[in-house]
Amino acid sequence: MDIQINNQSFSLPKNARLIDALASYSEVPLPYAVAINGEFVPRSQYSVRALMPDDQVDILRPVVGG
């Protein structure tokens, strides 16, 4: 299945989870937060959140301060 991670195309096996996508992406900044199709995904859900074809995964560096 094809997805986008930070606007780059990736092919993952059918039934891939978010944790699989993160493992295949070599540019994960630390610390980071993840959104799928604009919706924040809690870290506790990374291993269970299933991906669907054409999902847009955004790996973001959190911004703190005000």
PDB file of N, CA and C in Angstrom:
ATOM      1  N   MET A   1       0.853  -1.167   0.000  1.00  0.00           N
ATOM      2  CA  MET A   1       0.000   0.000   0.000  1.00  0.00           C
ATOM      3  C   MET A   1       0.900   1.232   0.000  1.00  0.00           C
ATOM      4  N   ASP A   2       0.435   2.287  -0.658  1.00  0.00           N
ATOM      5  CA  ASP A   2       1.198   3.526  -0.745  1.00  0.00           C
ATOM      6  C   ASP A   2       0.634   4.556   0.225  1.00  0.00           C
ATOM      7  N   ILE A   3       1.547   5.217   0.954  1.00  0.00           N
ATOM      8  CA  ILE A   3       1.191   6.302   1.865  1.00  0.00           C
ATOM      9  C   ILE A   3       2.180   7.443   1.636  1.00  0.00           C
ATOM     10  N   GLN A   4       1.938   8.554   2.298  1.00  0.00           N
ATOM     11  CA  GLN A   4       2.849   9.691   2.286  1.00  0.00           C
ATOM     12  C   GLN A   4       3.349   9.905   3.707  1.00  0.00           C
ATOM     13  N   ILE A   5       4.656  10.084   3.850  1.00  0.00           N
ATOM     14  CA  ILE A   5       5.240  10.463   5.135  1.00  0.00           C
ATOM     15  C   ILE A   5       5.995  11.758   4.895  1.00  0.00           C
ATOM     16  N   ASN A   6       5.555  12.831   5.545  1.00  0.00           N
ATOM     17  CA  ASN A   6       6.148  14.154   5.347  1.00  0.00           C
ATOM     18  C   ASN A   6       6.311  14.463   3.859  1.00  0.00           C
ATOM     19  N   ASN A   7       5.244  14.210   3.103  1.00  0.00           N
ATOM     20  CA  ASN A   7       5.165  14.493   1.667  1.00  0.00           C
ATOM     21  C   ASN A   7       6.102  13.654   0.808  1.00  0.00           C
ATOM     22  N   GLN A   8       6.569  12.531   1.318  1.00  0.00           N
ATOM     23  CA  GLN A   8       7.372  11.591   0.542  1.00  0.00           C
ATOM     24  C   GLN A   8       6.576  10.301   0.412  1.00  0.00           C
ATOM     25  N   SER A   9       6.595   9.728  -0.780  1.00  0.00           N
ATOM     26  CA  SER A   9       5.864   8.482  -1.018  1.00  0.00           C
ATOM     27  C   SER A   9       6.597   7.290  -0.423  1.00  0.00           C
ATOM     28  N   PHE A  10       5.836   6.420   0.226  1.00  0.00           N
ATOM     29  CA  PHE A  10       6.371   5.186   0.796  1.00  0.00           C
ATOM     30  C   PHE A  10       5.423   4.050   0.478  1.00  0.00           C
ATOM     31  N   SER A  11       5.977   2.878   0.222  1.00  0.00           N
ATOM     32  CA  SER A  11       5.180   1.668   0.058  1.00  0.00           C
ATOM     33  C   SER A  11       5.383   0.801   1.287  1.00  0.00           C
ATOM     34  N   LEU A  12       4.287   0.385   1.869  1.00  0.00           N
ATOM     35  CA  LEU A  12       4.319  -0.473   3.051  1.00  0.00           C
ATOM     36  C   LEU A  12       3.451  -1.695   2.779  1.00  0.00           C
ATOM     37  N   PRO A  13       3.698  -2.779   3.502  1.00  0.00           N
ATOM     38  CA  PRO A  13       2.847  -3.962   3.333  1.00  0.00           C
ATOM     39  C   PRO A  13       1.397  -3.658   3.730  1.00  0.00           C
ATOM     40  N   LYS A  14       0.491  -4.392   3.129  1.00  0.00           N
ATOM     41  CA  LYS A  14      -0.914  -4.294   3.521  1.00  0.00           C
ATOM     42  C   LYS A  14      -1.008  -4.601   5.009  1.00  0.00           C
ATOM     43  N   ASN A  15      -1.907  -3.956   5.710  1.00  0.00           N
ATOM     44  CA  ASN A  15      -2.101  -4.120   7.162  1.00  0.00           C
ATOM     45  C   ASN A  15      -0.968  -3.529   7.995  1.00  0.00           C
ATOM     46  N   ALA A  16      -0.182  -2.612   7.432  1.00  0.00           N
ATOM     47  CA  ALA A  16       0.891  -1.967   8.190  1.00  0.00           C
ATOM     48  C   ALA A  16       0.298  -1.083   9.280  1.00  0.00           C
ATOM     49  N   ARG A  17       1.031  -0.940  10.348  1.00  0.00           N
ATOM     50  CA  ARG A  17       0.657  -0.080  11.474  1.00  0.00           C
ATOM     51  C   ARG A  17       1.531   1.172  11.437  1.00  0.00           C
ATOM     52  N   LEU A  18       1.157   2.167  12.208  1.00  0.00           N
ATOM     53  CA  LEU A  18       1.930   3.403  12.267  1.00  0.00           C
ATOM     54  C   LEU A  18       3.372   3.126  12.687  1.00  0.00           C
ATOM     55  N   ILE A  19       3.572   2.228  13.629  1.00  0.00           N
ATOM     56  CA  ILE A  19       4.920   1.912  14.102  1.00  0.00           C
ATOM     57  C   ILE A  19       5.791   1.395  12.951  1.00  0.00           C
ATOM     58  N   ASP A  20       5.194   0.677  11.992  1.00  0.00           N
ATOM     59  CA  ASP A  20       5.919   0.186  10.819  1.00  0.00           C
ATOM     60  C   ASP A  20       6.363   1.349   9.934  1.00  0.00           C
ATOM     61  N   ALA A  21       5.493   2.320   9.762  1.00  0.00           N
ATOM     62  CA  ALA A  21       5.831   3.492   8.958  1.00  0.00           C
ATOM     63  C   ALA A  21       6.968   4.272   9.600  1.00  0.00           C
ATOM     64  N   LEU A  22       6.899   4.438  10.912  1.00  0.00           N
ATOM     65  CA  LEU A  22       7.963   5.166  11.608  1.00  0.00           C
ATOM     66  C   LEU A  22       9.295   4.438  11.493  1.00  0.00           C
ATOM     67  N   ALA A  23       9.271   3.117  11.537  1.00  0.00           N
ATOM     68  CA  ALA A  23      10.497   2.335  11.416  1.00  0.00           C
ATOM     69  C   ALA A  23      11.099   2.446  10.018  1.00  0.00           C
ATOM     70  N   SER A  24      10.268   2.642   8.999  1.00  0.00           N
ATOM     71  CA  SER A  24      10.771   2.722   7.630  1.00  0.00           C
ATOM     72  C   SER A  24      11.249   4.122   7.267  1.00  0.00           C
ATOM     73  N   TYR A  25      10.921   5.108   8.080  1.00  0.00           N
ATOM     74  CA  TYR A  25      11.285   6.496   7.797  1.00  0.00           C
ATOM     75  C   TYR A  25      12.534   6.845   8.583  1.00  0.00           C
ATOM     76  N   SER A  26      13.617   7.145   7.896  1.00  0.00           N
ATOM     77  CA  SER A  26      14.917   7.325   8.562  1.00  0.00           C
ATOM     78  C   SER A  26      15.150   8.730   9.100  1.00  0.00           C
ATOM     79  N   GLU A  27      14.236   9.655   8.874  1.00  0.00           N
ATOM     80  CA  GLU A  27      14.465  11.047   9.260  1.00  0.00           C
ATOM     81  C   GLU A  27      13.580  11.493  10.421  1.00  0.00           C
ATOM     82  N   VAL A  28      13.281  10.603  11.345  1.00  0.00           N
ATOM     83  CA  VAL A  28      12.412  10.950  12.468  1.00  0.00           C
ATOM     84  C   VAL A  28      13.191  11.843  13.435  1.00  0.00           C
ATOM     85  N   PRO A  29      12.723  13.092  13.650  1.00  0.00           N
ATOM     86  CA  PRO A  29      13.399  13.986  14.592  1.00  0.00           C
ATOM     87  C   PRO A  29      13.024  13.608  16.025  1.00  0.00           C
ATOM     88  N   LEU A  30      13.913  13.829  16.936  1.00  0.00           N
ATOM     89  CA  LEU A  30      13.614  13.560  18.350  1.00  0.00           C
ATOM     90  C   LEU A  30      13.559  14.875  19.092  1.00  0.00           C
ATOM     91  N   PRO A  31      12.617  15.119  19.921  1.00  0.00           N
ATOM     92  CA  PRO A  31      11.360  14.385  20.096  1.00  0.00           C
ATOM     93  C   PRO A  31      10.444  14.654  18.911  1.00  0.00           C
ATOM     94  N   TYR A  32       9.376  13.887  18.815  1.00  0.00           N
ATOM     95  CA  TYR A  32       8.458  14.061  17.695  1.00  0.00           C
ATOM     96  C   TYR A  32       7.025  13.746  18.102  1.00  0.00           C
ATOM     97  N   ALA A  33       6.105  14.252  17.292  1.00  0.00           N
ATOM     98  CA  ALA A  33       4.678  13.950  17.410  1.00  0.00           C
ATOM     99  C   ALA A  33       4.224  13.503  16.025  1.00  0.00           C
ATOM    100  N   VAL A  34       3.127  12.761  15.977  1.00  0.00           N
ATOM    101  CA  VAL A  34       2.651  12.224  14.700  1.00  0.00           C
ATOM    102  C   VAL A  34       1.173  12.551  14.514  1.00  0.00           C
ATOM    103  N   ALA A  35       0.840  12.914  13.272  1.00  0.00           N
ATOM    104  CA  ALA A  35      -0.549  13.109  12.879  1.00  0.00           C
ATOM    105  C   ALA A  35      -0.797  12.280  11.619  1.00  0.00           C
ATOM    106  N   ILE A  36      -1.976  11.709  11.521  1.00  0.00           N
ATOM    107  CA  ILE A  36      -2.397  11.000  10.312  1.00  0.00           C
ATOM    108  C   ILE A  36      -3.608  11.735   9.776  1.00  0.00           C
ATOM    109  N   ASN A  37      -3.482  12.176   8.538  1.00  0.00           N
ATOM    110  CA  ASN A  37      -4.557  12.940   7.886  1.00  0.00           C
ATOM    111  C   ASN A  37      -5.009  14.111   8.749  1.00  0.00           C
ATOM    112  N   GLY A  38      -4.036  14.769   9.388  1.00  0.00           N
ATOM    113  CA  GLY A  38      -4.320  15.952  10.193  1.00  0.00           C
ATOM    114  C   GLY A  38      -4.788  15.683  11.606  1.00  0.00           C
ATOM    115  N   GLU A  39      -4.882  14.424  12.015  1.00  0.00           N
ATOM    116  CA  GLU A  39      -5.358  14.070  13.354  1.00  0.00           C
ATOM    117  C   GLU A  39      -4.204  13.541  14.201  1.00  0.00           C
ATOM    118  N   PHE A  40      -3.945  14.180  15.347  1.00  0.00           N
ATOM    119  CA  PHE A  40      -2.883  13.762  16.254  1.00  0.00           C
ATOM    120  C   PHE A  40      -3.106  12.319  16.697  1.00  0.00           C
ATOM    121  N   VAL A  41      -2.021  11.548  16.762  1.00  0.00           N
ATOM    122  CA  VAL A  41      -2.083  10.160  17.224  1.00  0.00           C
ATOM    123  C   VAL A  41      -1.247  10.052  18.502  1.00  0.00           C
ATOM    124  N   PRO A  42      -1.844   9.675  19.629  1.00  0.00           N
ATOM    125  CA  PRO A  42      -1.077   9.510  20.863  1.00  0.00           C
ATOM    126  C   PRO A  42      -0.026   8.408  20.714  1.00  0.00           C
ATOM    127  N   ARG A  43       1.098   8.601  21.339  1.00  0.00           N
ATOM    128  CA  ARG A  43       2.197   7.626  21.276  1.00  0.00           C
ATOM    129  C   ARG A  43       1.733   6.223  21.671  1.00  0.00           C
ATOM    130  N   SER A  44       0.811   6.122  22.590  1.00  0.00           N
ATOM    131  CA  SER A  44       0.313   4.816  23.037  1.00  0.00           C
ATOM    132  C   SER A  44      -0.432   4.066  21.929  1.00  0.00           C
ATOM    133  N   GLN A  45      -0.792   4.758  20.853  1.00  0.00           N
ATOM    134  CA  GLN A  45      -1.538   4.146  19.752  1.00  0.00           C
ATOM    135  C   GLN A  45      -0.670   3.768  18.545  1.00  0.00           C
ATOM    136  N   TYR A  46       0.623   4.093  18.575  1.00  0.00           N
ATOM    137  CA  TYR A  46       1.493   3.854  17.418  1.00  0.00           C
ATOM    138  C   TYR A  46       1.504   2.389  16.988  1.00  0.00           C
ATOM    139  N   SER A  47       1.510   1.475  17.927  1.00  0.00           N
ATOM    140  CA  SER A  47       1.616   0.054  17.570  1.00  0.00           C
ATOM    141  C   SER A  47       0.277  -0.565  17.152  1.00  0.00           C
ATOM    142  N   VAL A  48      -0.824   0.119  17.404  1.00  0.00           N
ATOM    143  CA  VAL A  48      -2.130  -0.443  17.054  1.00  0.00           C
ATOM    144  C   VAL A  48      -2.847   0.332  15.954  1.00  0.00           C
ATOM    145  N   ARG A  49      -2.392   1.524  15.653  1.00  0.00           N
ATOM    146  CA  ARG A  49      -3.070   2.369  14.646  1.00  0.00           C
ATOM    147  C   ARG A  49      -2.774   1.836  13.251  1.00  0.00           C
ATOM    148  N   ALA A  50      -3.783   1.275  12.594  1.00  0.00           N
ATOM    149  CA  ALA A  50      -3.639   0.739  11.241  1.00  0.00           C
ATOM    150  C   ALA A  50      -3.576   1.886  10.237  1.00  0.00           C
ATOM    151  N   LEU A  51      -2.800   1.669   9.196  1.00  0.00           N
ATOM    152  CA  LEU A  51      -2.712   2.636   8.112  1.00  0.00           C
ATOM    153  C   LEU A  51      -3.579   2.171   6.949  1.00  0.00           C
ATOM    154  N   MET A  52      -4.058   3.139   6.193  1.00  0.00           N
ATOM    155  CA  MET A  52      -4.878   2.878   5.018  1.00  0.00           C
ATOM    156  C   MET A  52      -4.164   3.447   3.796  1.00  0.00           C
ATOM    157  N   PRO A  53      -4.423   2.894   2.617  1.00  0.00           N
ATOM    158  CA  PRO A  53      -3.809   3.451   1.406  1.00  0.00           C
ATOM    159  C   PRO A  53      -4.082   4.958   1.304  1.00  0.00           C
ATOM    160  N   ASP A  54      -3.073   5.678   0.877  1.00  0.00           N
ATOM    161  CA  ASP A  54      -3.129   7.133   0.669  1.00  0.00           C
ATOM    162  C   ASP A  54      -3.173   7.946   1.960  1.00  0.00           C
ATOM    163  N   ASP A  55      -2.963   7.317   3.126  1.00  0.00           N
ATOM    164  CA  ASP A  55      -2.864   8.094   4.358  1.00  0.00           C
ATOM    165  C   ASP A  55      -1.705   9.073   4.255  1.00  0.00           C
ATOM    166  N   GLN A  56      -1.898  10.238   4.870  1.00  0.00           N
ATOM    167  CA  GLN A  56      -0.860  11.264   4.958  1.00  0.00           C
ATOM    168  C   GLN A  56      -0.350  11.286   6.394  1.00  0.00           C
ATOM    169  N   VAL A  57       0.881  10.828   6.601  1.00  0.00           N
ATOM    170  CA  VAL A  57       1.488  10.791   7.924  1.00  0.00           C
ATOM    171  C   VAL A  57       2.434  11.980   8.042  1.00  0.00           C
ATOM    172  N   ASP A  58       2.250  12.781   9.078  1.00  0.00           N
ATOM    173  CA  ASP A  58       3.129  13.910   9.334  1.00  0.00           C
ATOM    174  C   ASP A  58       3.878  13.672  10.640  1.00  0.00           C
ATOM    175  N   ILE A  59       5.195  13.695  10.552  1.00  0.00           N
ATOM    176  CA  ILE A  59       6.043  13.562  11.729  1.00  0.00           C
ATOM    177  C   ILE A  59       6.572  14.952  12.031  1.00  0.00           C
ATOM    178  N   LEU A  60       6.211  15.446  13.195  1.00  0.00           N
ATOM    179  CA  LEU A  60       6.469  16.838  13.544  1.00  0.00           C
ATOM    180  C   LEU A  60       7.332  16.961  14.785  1.00  0.00           C
ATOM    181  N   ARG A  61       8.128  17.980  14.808  1.00  0.00           N
ATOM    182  CA  ARG A  61       8.882  18.324  16.021  1.00  0.00           C
ATOM    183  C   ARG A  61       7.982  19.250  16.840  1.00  0.00           C
ATOM    184  N   PRO A  62       7.661  18.876  18.073  1.00  0.00           N
ATOM    185  CA  PRO A  62       6.776  19.719  18.893  1.00  0.00           C
ATOM    186  C   PRO A  62       7.422  21.087  19.161  1.00  0.00           C
ATOM    187  N   VAL A  63       6.585  22.089  19.207  1.00  0.00           N
ATOM    188  CA  VAL A  63       7.026  23.448  19.504  1.00  0.00           C
ATOM    189  C   VAL A  63       6.481  23.818  20.870  1.00  0.00           C
ATOM    190  N   VAL A  64       7.362  24.288  21.739  1.00  0.00           N
ATOM    191  CA  VAL A  64       6.932  24.687  23.081  1.00  0.00           C
ATOM    192  C   VAL A  64       7.193  26.182  23.261  1.00  0.00           C
ATOM    193  N   GLY A  65       6.555  26.727  24.222  1.00  0.00           N
ATOM    194  CA  GLY A  65       6.758  28.143  24.500  1.00  0.00           C
ATOM    195  C   GLY A  65       5.536  28.939  24.113  1.00  0.00           C
ATOM    196  N   GLY A  66       5.626  30.212  24.205  1.00  0.00           N
ATOM    197  CA  GLY A  66       4.441  30.988  23.880  1.00  0.00           C
ATOM    198  C   GLY A  66       4.806  32.313  23.441  1.00  0.00           C
TER     199      GLY A  66
END
